[in-house]
Amino acid sequence: MSTTESKDPGALALARVAHETTQAYRNAIGDFSTHQAWELLTPQQQDAAYARAFFFLNNPDAKFTAVHNALELADDKERAAAAVFHGVIRAICREQARA
């Protein structure tokens, strides 16, 4: 699924915004080691972010653990970053539902 032609443009934009917000969160807590800018991600990494965004757009009531098993994440920073990604998507979904 690495071509943008076959992807939902809204979910792709949402994945990028959520990723960049997560990157800003990590920078704010002093973690510069793991999170790259969207443009520097491999196609597989972009696809993974897109898949999470697409899932949550189509399952707005799902908890972030539906995609991110908290026990599998490396540490508290990973769990927090996953929650930030999910929070961005949930907030946008709520706003779209109001419109």
N, C-alpha and C. Protein backbone atom coordinates (compact mmCIF):
# COMPACT_ATOMS: atom_id res chain seq x y z
N MET A 1 0.82 -1.19 0.00
CA MET A 1 0.00 0.00 0.00
C MET A 1 0.87 1.26 0.00
N SER A 2 2.03 1.21 -0.54
CA SER A 2 2.95 2.33 -0.43
C SER A 2 2.71 3.43 -1.45
N THR A 3 1.73 3.28 -2.33
CA THR A 3 1.45 4.36 -3.27
C THR A 3 0.34 5.24 -2.72
N THR A 4 0.49 6.53 -2.91
CA THR A 4 -0.51 7.45 -2.38
C THR A 4 -1.79 7.41 -3.19
N GLU A 5 -1.75 6.91 -4.43
CA GLU A 5 -2.94 6.88 -5.27
C GLU A 5 -4.05 6.02 -4.66
N SER A 6 -3.70 4.96 -3.98
CA SER A 6 -4.69 4.04 -3.45
C SER A 6 -5.13 4.37 -2.03
N LYS A 7 -4.62 5.46 -1.48
CA LYS A 7 -4.92 5.81 -0.10
C LYS A 7 -5.99 6.89 -0.02
N ASP A 8 -6.77 6.83 1.04
CA ASP A 8 -7.75 7.87 1.33
C ASP A 8 -6.98 9.16 1.66
N PRO A 9 -7.21 10.24 0.91
CA PRO A 9 -6.43 11.46 1.14
C PRO A 9 -6.64 12.06 2.52
N GLY A 10 -7.84 11.94 3.06
CA GLY A 10 -8.10 12.45 4.41
C GLY A 10 -7.33 11.68 5.46
N ALA A 11 -7.32 10.36 5.33
CA ALA A 11 -6.59 9.54 6.29
C ALA A 11 -5.09 9.76 6.15
N LEU A 12 -4.62 9.96 4.93
CA LEU A 12 -3.19 10.21 4.72
C LEU A 12 -2.78 11.54 5.36
N ALA A 13 -3.59 12.58 5.16
CA ALA A 13 -3.30 13.88 5.78
C ALA A 13 -3.36 13.78 7.30
N LEU A 14 -4.33 13.05 7.80
CA LEU A 14 -4.46 12.86 9.24
C LEU A 14 -3.26 12.11 9.80
N ALA A 15 -2.80 11.10 9.09
CA ALA A 15 -1.62 10.35 9.54
C ALA A 15 -0.41 11.27 9.65
N ARG A 16 -0.25 12.12 8.67
CA ARG A 16 0.89 13.04 8.69
C ARG A 16 0.79 14.03 9.85
N VAL A 17 -0.39 14.61 10.05
CA VAL A 17 -0.58 15.56 11.15
C VAL A 17 -0.36 14.88 12.50
N ALA A 18 -0.91 13.69 12.67
CA ALA A 18 -0.73 12.97 13.93
C ALA A 18 0.74 12.61 14.14
N HIS A 19 1.41 12.20 13.08
CA HIS A 19 2.84 11.86 13.19
C HIS A 19 3.64 13.10 13.59
N GLU A 20 3.38 14.22 12.91
CA GLU A 20 4.13 15.44 13.20
C GLU A 20 3.84 15.96 14.61
N THR A 21 2.61 15.78 15.07
CA THR A 21 2.27 16.17 16.44
C THR A 21 3.01 15.29 17.44
N THR A 22 3.08 14.00 17.14
CA THR A 22 3.83 13.09 18.00
C THR A 22 5.31 13.46 18.01
N GLN A 23 5.84 13.84 16.85
CA GLN A 23 7.24 14.27 16.78
C GLN A 23 7.45 15.52 17.65
N ALA A 24 6.53 16.47 17.59
CA ALA A 24 6.64 17.68 18.41
C ALA A 24 6.58 17.33 19.89
N TYR A 25 5.70 16.40 20.25
CA TYR A 25 5.62 15.96 21.65
C TYR A 25 6.95 15.37 22.10
N ARG A 26 7.51 14.48 21.28
CA ARG A 26 8.78 13.85 21.65
C ARG A 26 9.89 14.89 21.79
N ASN A 27 9.93 15.85 20.88
CA ASN A 27 10.93 16.91 20.99
C ASN A 27 10.73 17.71 22.27
N ALA A 28 9.49 17.97 22.63
CA ALA A 28 9.19 18.74 23.83
C ALA A 28 9.68 18.05 25.11
N ILE A 29 9.67 16.71 25.10
CA ILE A 29 10.14 15.99 26.28
C ILE A 29 11.61 15.63 26.19
N GLY A 30 12.27 16.14 25.12
CA GLY A 30 13.70 15.93 24.99
C GLY A 30 14.11 14.63 24.32
N ASP A 31 13.17 13.96 23.66
CA ASP A 31 13.48 12.71 22.97
C ASP A 31 13.66 13.00 21.48
N PHE A 32 14.91 13.12 21.06
CA PHE A 32 15.21 13.41 19.66
C PHE A 32 15.76 12.18 18.94
N SER A 33 15.72 11.04 19.61
CA SER A 33 16.45 9.88 19.10
C SER A 33 15.69 9.04 18.08
N THR A 34 14.38 9.00 18.15
CA THR A 34 13.69 7.99 17.37
C THR A 34 12.71 8.51 16.34
N HIS A 35 12.15 9.67 16.54
CA HIS A 35 11.06 10.12 15.69
C HIS A 35 11.58 11.04 14.60
N GLN A 36 11.39 10.65 13.35
CA GLN A 36 11.87 11.43 12.21
C GLN A 36 10.73 12.24 11.60
N ALA A 37 11.11 13.24 10.82
CA ALA A 37 10.12 14.00 10.06
C ALA A 37 9.41 13.07 9.08
N TRP A 38 8.18 13.39 8.73
CA TRP A 38 7.37 12.56 7.83
C TRP A 38 8.12 12.25 6.54
N GLU A 39 8.76 13.26 5.97
CA GLU A 39 9.45 13.08 4.69
C GLU A 39 10.62 12.09 4.79
N LEU A 40 11.16 11.89 5.97
CA LEU A 40 12.29 10.98 6.15
C LEU A 40 11.89 9.56 6.49
N LEU A 41 10.61 9.33 6.70
CA LEU A 41 10.13 7.98 7.01
C LEU A 41 10.22 7.09 5.78
N THR A 42 10.44 5.82 6.03
CA THR A 42 10.39 4.86 4.94
C THR A 42 8.93 4.70 4.50
N PRO A 43 8.71 4.21 3.30
CA PRO A 43 7.32 3.95 2.88
C PRO A 43 6.58 3.03 3.86
N GLN A 44 7.29 2.07 4.43
CA GLN A 44 6.66 1.15 5.38
C GLN A 44 6.21 1.90 6.65
N GLN A 45 7.03 2.83 7.11
CA GLN A 45 6.66 3.60 8.29
C GLN A 45 5.48 4.52 8.00
N GLN A 46 5.47 5.13 6.84
CA GLN A 46 4.33 5.97 6.46
C GLN A 46 3.07 5.12 6.32
N ASP A 47 3.22 3.93 5.75
CA ASP A 47 2.07 3.03 5.62
C ASP A 47 1.51 2.63 6.98
N ALA A 48 2.39 2.40 7.95
CA ALA A 48 1.94 2.02 9.29
C ALA A 48 1.16 3.17 9.94
N ALA A 49 1.66 4.39 9.79
CA ALA A 49 0.95 5.55 10.34
C ALA A 49 -0.39 5.72 9.63
N TYR A 50 -0.39 5.55 8.32
CA TYR A 50 -1.63 5.65 7.55
C TYR A 50 -2.64 4.60 8.01
N ALA A 51 -2.18 3.37 8.20
CA ALA A 51 -3.08 2.29 8.61
C ALA A 51 -3.73 2.60 9.96
N ARG A 52 -2.95 3.16 10.90
CA ARG A 52 -3.53 3.54 12.20
C ARG A 52 -4.55 4.65 12.03
N ALA A 53 -4.21 5.66 11.24
CA ALA A 53 -5.14 6.77 11.04
C ALA A 53 -6.42 6.28 10.35
N PHE A 54 -6.29 5.46 9.33
CA PHE A 54 -7.44 4.93 8.61
C PHE A 54 -8.32 4.10 9.54
N PHE A 55 -7.69 3.27 10.37
CA PHE A 55 -8.44 2.45 11.31
C PHE A 55 -9.26 3.33 12.25
N PHE A 56 -8.63 4.34 12.84
CA PHE A 56 -9.34 5.17 13.81
C PHE A 56 -10.40 6.05 13.15
N LEU A 57 -10.19 6.46 11.91
CA LEU A 57 -11.23 7.21 11.21
C LEU A 57 -12.47 6.35 11.00
N ASN A 58 -12.26 5.08 10.76
CA ASN A 58 -13.37 4.17 10.51
C ASN A 58 -13.88 3.49 11.77
N ASN A 59 -13.19 3.68 12.89
CA ASN A 59 -13.59 3.12 14.19
C ASN A 59 -13.36 4.18 15.26
N PRO A 60 -14.13 5.28 15.20
CA PRO A 60 -13.84 6.42 16.08
C PRO A 60 -13.97 6.13 17.57
N ASP A 61 -14.67 5.09 17.95
CA ASP A 61 -14.81 4.77 19.37
C ASP A 61 -13.74 3.81 19.88
N ALA A 62 -12.86 3.37 19.00
CA ALA A 62 -11.81 2.43 19.40
C ALA A 62 -10.79 3.11 20.31
N LYS A 63 -10.29 2.38 21.25
CA LYS A 63 -9.23 2.87 22.14
C LYS A 63 -7.88 2.70 21.45
N PHE A 64 -6.87 3.48 21.88
CA PHE A 64 -5.58 3.38 21.19
C PHE A 64 -4.96 2.01 21.36
N THR A 65 -5.36 1.28 22.39
CA THR A 65 -4.81 -0.07 22.58
C THR A 65 -5.33 -1.05 21.53
N ALA A 66 -6.35 -0.64 20.76
CA ALA A 66 -6.84 -1.51 19.69
C ALA A 66 -5.76 -1.69 18.63
N VAL A 67 -4.88 -0.73 18.48
CA VAL A 67 -3.80 -0.81 17.51
C VAL A 67 -2.46 -0.97 18.21
N HIS A 68 -2.32 -0.29 19.33
CA HIS A 68 -1.07 -0.31 20.08
C HIS A 68 -1.29 -1.10 21.37
N ASN A 69 -0.80 -2.32 21.41
CA ASN A 69 -0.88 -3.07 22.65
C ASN A 69 0.12 -2.44 23.61
N ALA A 70 -0.38 -1.81 24.65
CA ALA A 70 0.49 -1.05 25.56
C ALA A 70 1.59 -1.92 26.15
N LEU A 71 1.35 -3.20 26.28
CA LEU A 71 2.38 -4.08 26.85
C LEU A 71 3.53 -4.30 25.88
N GLU A 72 3.28 -4.13 24.58
CA GLU A 72 4.32 -4.35 23.59
C GLU A 72 5.18 -3.11 23.36
N LEU A 73 4.70 -1.95 23.79
CA LEU A 73 5.48 -0.74 23.58
C LEU A 73 6.65 -0.72 24.55
N ALA A 74 7.75 -0.16 24.08
CA ALA A 74 9.02 -0.27 24.79
C ALA A 74 9.00 0.36 26.18
N ASP A 75 8.43 1.52 26.32
CA ASP A 75 8.52 2.23 27.59
C ASP A 75 7.40 3.26 27.69
N ASP A 76 7.45 4.05 28.76
CA ASP A 76 6.41 5.06 28.97
C ASP A 76 6.39 6.09 27.86
N LYS A 77 7.56 6.44 27.31
CA LYS A 77 7.60 7.41 26.21
C LYS A 77 6.87 6.86 24.99
N GLU A 78 7.03 5.58 24.71
CA GLU A 78 6.35 4.97 23.57
C GLU A 78 4.84 4.97 23.79
N ARG A 79 4.41 4.62 25.00
CA ARG A 79 2.98 4.62 25.29
C ARG A 79 2.41 6.03 25.20
N ALA A 80 3.14 7.01 25.70
CA ALA A 80 2.68 8.39 25.64
C ALA A 80 2.59 8.87 24.19
N ALA A 81 3.58 8.55 23.39
CA ALA A 81 3.56 8.95 21.99
C ALA A 81 2.39 8.31 21.25
N ALA A 82 2.11 7.05 21.53
CA ALA A 82 0.97 6.37 20.91
C ALA A 82 -0.33 7.05 21.33
N ALA A 83 -0.42 7.45 22.58
CA ALA A 83 -1.62 8.14 23.06
C ALA A 83 -1.76 9.51 22.39
N VAL A 84 -0.67 10.21 22.16
CA VAL A 84 -0.71 11.50 21.48
C VAL A 84 -1.22 11.31 20.05
N PHE A 85 -0.66 10.34 19.34
CA PHE A 85 -1.10 10.05 17.97
C PHE A 85 -2.60 9.79 17.94
N HIS A 86 -3.05 8.93 18.84
CA HIS A 86 -4.46 8.59 18.91
C HIS A 86 -5.31 9.80 19.30
N GLY A 87 -4.83 10.60 20.23
CA GLY A 87 -5.56 11.78 20.68
C GLY A 87 -5.80 12.78 19.56
N VAL A 88 -4.81 12.98 18.72
CA VAL A 88 -4.97 13.89 17.58
C VAL A 88 -6.08 13.38 16.67
N ILE A 89 -6.04 12.11 16.37
CA ILE A 89 -7.04 11.52 15.48
C ILE A 89 -8.43 11.60 16.10
N ARG A 90 -8.54 11.28 17.38
CA ARG A 90 -9.86 11.34 18.04
C ARG A 90 -10.41 12.76 18.03
N ALA A 91 -9.57 13.75 18.29
CA ALA A 91 -10.03 15.14 18.31
C ALA A 91 -10.55 15.56 16.94
N ILE A 92 -9.84 15.19 15.89
CA ILE A 92 -10.29 15.54 14.55
C ILE A 92 -11.57 14.81 14.19
N CYS A 93 -11.67 13.56 14.56
CA CYS A 93 -12.91 12.79 14.30
C CYS A 93 -14.11 13.42 15.00
N ARG A 94 -13.92 13.85 16.25
CA ARG A 94 -15.01 14.50 16.98
C ARG A 94 -15.46 15.77 16.28
N GLU A 95 -14.50 16.57 15.81
CA GLU A 95 -14.83 17.81 15.11
C GLU A 95 -15.57 17.53 13.81
N GLN A 96 -15.16 16.50 13.09
CA GLN A 96 -15.84 16.15 11.85
C GLN A 96 -17.26 15.68 12.13
N ALA A 97 -17.47 14.97 13.22
CA ALA A 97 -18.80 14.48 13.56
C ALA A 97 -19.75 15.63 13.88
N ARG A 98 -19.21 16.72 14.41
CA ARG A 98 -20.03 17.88 14.74
C ARG A 98 -20.46 18.65 13.51
N ALA A 99 -19.68 18.58 12.46
CA ALA A 99 -19.96 19.39 11.25
C ALA A 99 -21.16 18.89 10.49
